[in-house]
C-alpha atoms as a PDB file:
ATOM      1  CA  MET A   1      -5.346   9.958   8.156  1.00  0.00           C
ATOM      2  CA  VAL A   2      -6.280   7.362   5.588  1.00  0.00           C
ATOM      3  CA  THR A   3      -5.908   4.456   7.972  1.00  0.00           C
ATOM      4  CA  SER A   4      -8.335   5.966  10.472  1.00  0.00           C
ATOM      5  CA  GLN A   5     -10.825   6.690   7.677  1.00  0.00           C
ATOM      6  CA  LEU A   6     -10.621   3.057   6.623  1.00  0.00           C
ATOM      7  CA  GLY A   7     -10.962   1.864  10.198  1.00  0.00           C
ATOM      8  CA  LEU A   8      -7.528   0.234  10.188  1.00  0.00           C
ATOM      9  CA  GLN A   9      -6.412   1.837  13.422  1.00  0.00           C
ATOM     10  CA  GLU A  10      -9.436   0.459  15.257  1.00  0.00           C
ATOM     11  CA  LYS A  11      -8.860  -2.989  13.779  1.00  0.00           C
ATOM     12  CA  LEU A  12      -5.188  -2.826  14.670  1.00  0.00           C
ATOM     13  CA  HIS A  13      -5.859  -1.866  18.254  1.00  0.00           C
ATOM     14  CA  GLY A  14      -8.912  -4.066  18.734  1.00  0.00           C
ATOM     15  CA  SER A  15      -8.922  -6.865  21.277  1.00  0.00           C
ATOM     16  CA  SER A  16      -8.730  -9.589  18.619  1.00  0.00           C
ATOM     17  CA  CYS A  17      -5.388  -8.215  17.428  1.00  0.00           C
ATOM     18  CA  ASP A  18      -3.871  -9.121  20.766  1.00  0.00           C
ATOM     19  CA  GLU A  19      -3.983 -12.709  19.563  1.00  0.00           C
ATOM     20  CA  TYR A  20      -1.658 -12.014  16.633  1.00  0.00           C
ATOM     21  CA  PRO A  21       2.124 -12.327  16.899  1.00  0.00           C
ATOM     22  CA  ASP A  22       4.093  -9.168  17.660  1.00  0.00           C
ATOM     23  CA  HIS A  23       5.846  -9.188  14.271  1.00  0.00           C
ATOM     24  CA  TRP A  24       2.450  -9.179  12.528  1.00  0.00           C
ATOM     25  CA  LYS A  25       1.218  -6.250  14.632  1.00  0.00           C
ATOM     26  CA  GLU A  26       4.440  -4.331  13.957  1.00  0.00           C
ATOM     27  CA  ALA A  27       4.194  -4.963  10.201  1.00  0.00           C
ATOM     28  CA  SER A  28       0.546  -3.868  10.155  1.00  0.00           C
ATOM     29  CA  SER A  29       1.397  -0.689  12.019  1.00  0.00           C
ATOM     30  CA  ARG A  30       4.302   0.017   9.671  1.00  0.00           C
ATOM     31  CA  VAL A  31       2.130  -0.425   6.567  1.00  0.00           C
ATOM     32  CA  ALA A  32      -0.508   1.865   8.096  1.00  0.00           C
ATOM     33  CA  ASP A  33       2.191   4.508   8.710  1.00  0.00           C
ATOM     34  CA  TRP A  34       3.384   4.173   5.104  1.00  0.00           C
ATOM     35  CA  ILE A  35      -0.136   4.622   3.772  1.00  0.00           C
ATOM     36  CA  ASP A  36      -0.609   7.737   5.886  1.00  0.00           C
ATOM     37  CA  GLU A  37       2.718   9.151   4.668  1.00  0.00           C
ATOM     38  CA  ILE A  38       1.940   8.413   1.005  1.00  0.00           C
ATOM     39  CA  ASP A  39      -1.464  10.042   1.443  1.00  0.00           C
ATOM     40  CA  ARG A  40       0.175  13.093   3.003  1.00  0.00           C
ATOM     41  CA  LEU A  41       2.790  13.405   0.249  1.00  0.00           C
ATOM     42  CA  TYR A  42       0.553  12.769  -2.760  1.00  0.00           C
ATOM     43  CA  LYS A  43      -2.804  13.869  -1.326  1.00  0.00           C
ATOM     44  CA  HIS A  44      -4.799  14.774  -4.442  1.00  0.00           C
ATOM     45  CA  ARG A  45      -2.705  13.031  -7.062  1.00  0.00           C
ATOM     46  CA  ILE A  46      -3.294   9.396  -6.155  1.00  0.00           C
ATOM     47  CA  ARG A  47      -6.009   7.032  -5.047  1.00  0.00           C
ATOM     48  CA  ILE A  48      -5.108   4.390  -2.483  1.00  0.00           C
ATOM     49  CA  LYS A  49      -6.852   1.036  -2.529  1.00  0.00           C
ATOM     50  CA  LEU A  50      -6.053  -1.549   0.140  1.00  0.00           C
ATOM     51  CA  ILE A  51      -6.539  -5.206  -0.698  1.00  0.00           C
ATOM     52  CA  ASP A  52      -6.148  -8.042   1.778  1.00  0.00           C
ATOM     53  CA  ALA A  53      -3.423 -10.299   0.383  1.00  0.00           C
ATOM     54  CA  GLN A  54      -5.291 -13.394   1.585  1.00  0.00           C
ATOM     55  CA  SER A  55      -8.613 -12.464  -0.007  1.00  0.00           C
ATOM     56  CA  PRO A  56      -9.542 -13.930  -3.402  1.00  0.00           C
ATOM     57  CA  LEU A  57      -8.878 -10.527  -5.020  1.00  0.00           C
ATOM     58  CA  GLY A  58      -5.544 -10.250  -3.198  1.00  0.00           C
ATOM     59  CA  LEU A  59      -4.459 -13.681  -4.380  1.00  0.00           C
ATOM     60  CA  TRP A  60      -5.510 -12.794  -7.930  1.00  0.00           C
ATOM     61  CA  LYS A  61      -3.492  -9.555  -7.798  1.00  0.00           C
ATOM     62  CA  GLN A  62      -0.419 -11.440  -6.536  1.00  0.00           C
ATOM     63  CA  LEU A  63      -0.636 -13.870  -9.438  1.00  0.00           C
ATOM     64  CA  ARG A  64      -1.503 -11.235 -12.038  1.00  0.00           C
ATOM     65  CA  HIS A  65       1.358  -8.924 -11.065  1.00  0.00           C
ATOM     66  CA  TRP A  66       3.702 -11.733 -10.025  1.00  0.00           C
ATOM     67  CA  VAL A  67       4.432 -10.364  -6.548  1.00  0.00           C
ATOM     68  CA  PHE A  68       4.722 -12.735  -3.635  1.00  0.00           C
ATOM     69  CA  GLN A  69       6.613 -10.709  -1.043  1.00  0.00           C
ATOM     70  CA  LEU A  70       4.547  -8.561   1.296  1.00  0.00           C
ATOM     71  CA  PRO A  71       3.848  -5.772   1.594  1.00  0.00           C
ATOM     72  CA  ALA A  72       3.362  -5.303  -2.123  1.00  0.00           C
ATOM     73  CA  PHE A  73       2.319  -2.130  -3.921  1.00  0.00           C
ATOM     74  CA  ILE A  74       0.955  -1.936  -7.451  1.00  0.00           C
ATOM     75  CA  VAL A  75       1.129   1.583  -8.863  1.00  0.00           C
ATOM     76  CA  ASP A  76      -1.117   2.532 -11.764  1.00  0.00           C
ATOM     77  CA  GLY A  77      -1.581  -1.141 -12.639  1.00  0.00           C
ATOM     78  CA  LYS A  78       1.911  -1.237 -14.143  1.00  0.00           C
ATOM     79  CA  GLY A  79       4.642  -0.507 -11.633  1.00  0.00           C
ATOM     80  CA  LYS A  80       5.182  -2.744  -8.650  1.00  0.00           C
ATOM     81  CA  CYS A  81       7.402  -2.943  -5.632  1.00  0.00           C
ATOM     82  CA  ALA A  82       7.434  -5.349  -2.747  1.00  0.00           C
ATOM     83  CA  GLY A  83       9.143  -5.316   0.591  1.00  0.00           C
ATOM     84  CA  TRP A  84      10.084  -2.630   3.059  1.00  0.00           C
ATOM     85  CA  ASP A  85      11.966  -0.111   0.897  1.00  0.00           C
ATOM     86  CA  PHE A  86       9.936   3.099   1.273  1.00  0.00           C
ATOM     87  CA  GLU A  87      12.256   5.054  -1.046  1.00  0.00           C
ATOM     88  CA  GLN A  88      11.622   2.501  -3.788  1.00  0.00           C
ATOM     89  CA  LEU A  89       7.875   2.975  -3.354  1.00  0.00           C
ATOM     90  CA  GLU A  90       8.188   6.770  -3.466  1.00  0.00           C
ATOM     91  CA  SER A  91      10.396   6.551  -6.534  1.00  0.00           C
ATOM     92  CA  LEU A  92       7.894   4.295  -8.281  1.00  0.00           C
ATOM     93  CA  ILE A  93       4.996   6.656  -7.516  1.00  0.00           C
ATOM     94  CA  ASP A  94       7.023   9.643  -8.742  1.00  0.00           C
ATOM     95  CA  GLU A  95       8.034   7.806 -11.928  1.00  0.00           C
ATOM     96  CA  ARG A  96       4.456   6.784 -12.742  1.00  0.00           C
ATOM     97  CA  SER A  97       3.216  10.316 -11.968  1.00  0.00           C
ATOM     98  CA  ARG A  98       5.765  11.837 -14.353  1.00  0.00           C
ATOM     99  CA  GLU A  99       4.817   9.373 -17.072  1.00  0.00           C
ATOM    100  CA  ILE A 100       1.132  10.200 -16.703  1.00  0.00           C
ATOM    101  CA  SER A 101       1.917  13.927 -16.782  1.00  0.00           C
ATOM    102  CA  ARG A 102       3.936  13.488 -19.992  1.00  0.00           C
ATOM    103  CA  ARG A 103       1.049  11.608 -21.634  1.00  0.00           C
ATOM    104  CA  ARG A 104      -1.383  14.374 -20.678  1.00  0.00           C
ATOM    105  CA  ALA A 105       0.968  17.008 -22.099  1.00  0.00           C
ATOM    106  CA  TRP A 106       0.726  15.444 -25.552  1.00  0.00           C
END
Protein backbone atom coordinates (compact mmCIF):
# COMPACT_ATOMS: atom_id res chain seq x y z
CA MET A 1 0.00 0.00 0.00
CA VAL A 2 1.31 3.40 -0.97
CA THR A 3 0.03 5.10 2.15
CA SER A 4 1.85 2.67 4.44
CA GLN A 5 5.05 3.10 2.41
CA LEU A 6 4.76 6.85 2.86
CA GLY A 7 4.02 6.49 6.55
CA LEU A 8 0.56 8.04 6.21
CA GLN A 9 -1.20 5.28 8.09
CA GLU A 10 1.07 5.76 11.10
CA LYS A 11 0.56 9.51 10.99
CA LEU A 12 -3.18 9.06 10.66
CA HIS A 13 -3.39 6.72 13.62
CA GLY A 14 -0.81 8.49 15.76
CA SER A 15 -1.76 10.03 19.09
CA SER A 16 -1.52 13.59 17.77
CA CYS A 17 -4.27 12.87 15.25
CA ASP A 18 -6.70 12.37 18.09
CA GLU A 19 -6.64 16.13 18.48
CA TYR A 20 -8.02 16.72 14.98
CA PRO A 21 -11.75 16.95 14.26
CA ASP A 22 -13.52 13.78 13.13
CA HIS A 23 -14.30 15.20 9.68
CA TRP A 24 -10.58 15.85 9.11
CA LYS A 25 -9.66 12.30 10.15
CA GLU A 26 -12.38 10.86 7.90
CA ALA A 27 -11.21 12.96 4.93
CA SER A 28 -7.59 11.92 5.49
CA SER A 29 -8.57 8.27 5.64
CA ARG A 30 -10.67 8.62 2.48
CA VAL A 31 -7.81 10.25 0.56
CA ALA A 32 -5.45 7.50 1.74
CA ASP A 33 -7.93 4.87 0.48
CA TRP A 34 -8.15 6.65 -2.88
CA ILE A 35 -4.38 6.73 -3.23
CA ASP A 36 -4.17 3.02 -2.46
CA GLU A 37 -6.89 2.27 -5.02
CA ILE A 38 -5.25 4.41 -7.72
CA ASP A 39 -1.93 2.69 -7.01
CA ARG A 40 -3.61 -0.70 -7.30
CA LEU A 41 -5.35 0.16 -10.58
CA TYR A 42 -2.48 1.93 -12.33
CA LYS A 43 0.47 0.29 -10.55
CA HIS A 44 3.30 0.70 -13.07
CA ARG A 45 1.81 3.38 -15.27
CA ILE A 46 1.77 6.33 -12.89
CA ARG A 47 3.84 8.00 -10.22
CA ILE A 48 2.02 9.40 -7.20
CA LYS A 49 3.37 12.46 -5.43
CA LEU A 50 1.63 13.75 -2.31
CA ILE A 51 1.94 17.43 -1.47
CA ASP A 52 0.62 19.03 1.69
CA ALA A 53 -1.85 21.70 0.58
CA GLN A 54 -0.69 24.01 3.38
CA SER A 55 3.01 23.76 2.56
CA PRO A 56 4.65 26.46 0.43
CA LEU A 57 4.79 24.01 -2.51
CA GLY A 58 1.14 23.07 -1.97
CA LEU A 59 0.06 26.70 -1.97
CA TRP A 60 2.10 27.31 -5.12
CA LYS A 61 0.46 24.32 -6.85
CA GLN A 62 -3.01 25.58 -5.88
CA LEU A 63 -2.28 28.97 -7.40
CA ARG A 64 -0.49 27.60 -10.47
CA HIS A 65 -3.26 25.14 -11.33
CA TRP A 66 -6.07 27.32 -9.99
CA VAL A 67 -7.55 24.67 -7.69
CA PHE A 68 -8.84 25.67 -4.29
CA GLN A 69 -11.14 22.79 -3.35
CA LEU A 70 -9.55 19.85 -1.56
CA PRO A 71 -8.68 17.17 -2.19
CA ALA A 72 -7.18 18.24 -5.49
CA PHE A 73 -5.38 16.05 -8.01
CA ILE A 74 -3.12 17.28 -10.79
CA VAL A 75 -2.55 14.64 -13.45
CA ASP A 76 0.47 14.91 -15.73
CA GLY A 77 0.77 18.61 -14.92
CA LYS A 78 -2.19 19.36 -17.19
CA GLY A 79 -5.40 17.72 -16.06
CA LYS A 80 -6.94 18.56 -12.72
CA CYS A 81 -9.88 17.56 -10.63
CA ALA A 82 -10.93 18.59 -7.17
CA GLY A 83 -13.44 17.24 -4.75
CA TRP A 84 -14.73 13.80 -3.91
CA ASP A 85 -15.70 12.39 -7.32
CA PHE A 86 -13.53 9.28 -7.67
CA GLU A 87 -14.94 8.46 -11.13
CA GLN A 88 -13.86 11.90 -12.35
CA LEU A 89 -10.34 11.23 -11.09
CA GLU A 90 -10.22 7.81 -12.76
CA SER A 91 -11.55 9.28 -15.99
CA LEU A 92 -8.92 12.02 -15.92
CA ILE A 93 -6.10 9.51 -15.36
CA ASP A 94 -7.41 7.30 -18.18
CA GLU A 95 -7.73 10.28 -20.53
CA ARG A 96 -4.18 11.50 -19.83
CA SER A 97 -2.84 7.93 -20.18
CA ARG A 98 -4.50 7.55 -23.59
CA GLU A 99 -3.12 10.88 -24.74
CA ILE A 100 0.40 9.93 -23.69
CA SER A 101 0.05 6.56 -25.44
CA ARG A 102 -1.08 8.29 -28.65
CA ARG A 103 1.93 10.63 -28.54
CA ARG A 104 4.29 7.68 -28.09
CA ALA A 105 2.68 5.88 -31.03
CA TRP A 106 3.67 8.70 -33.38
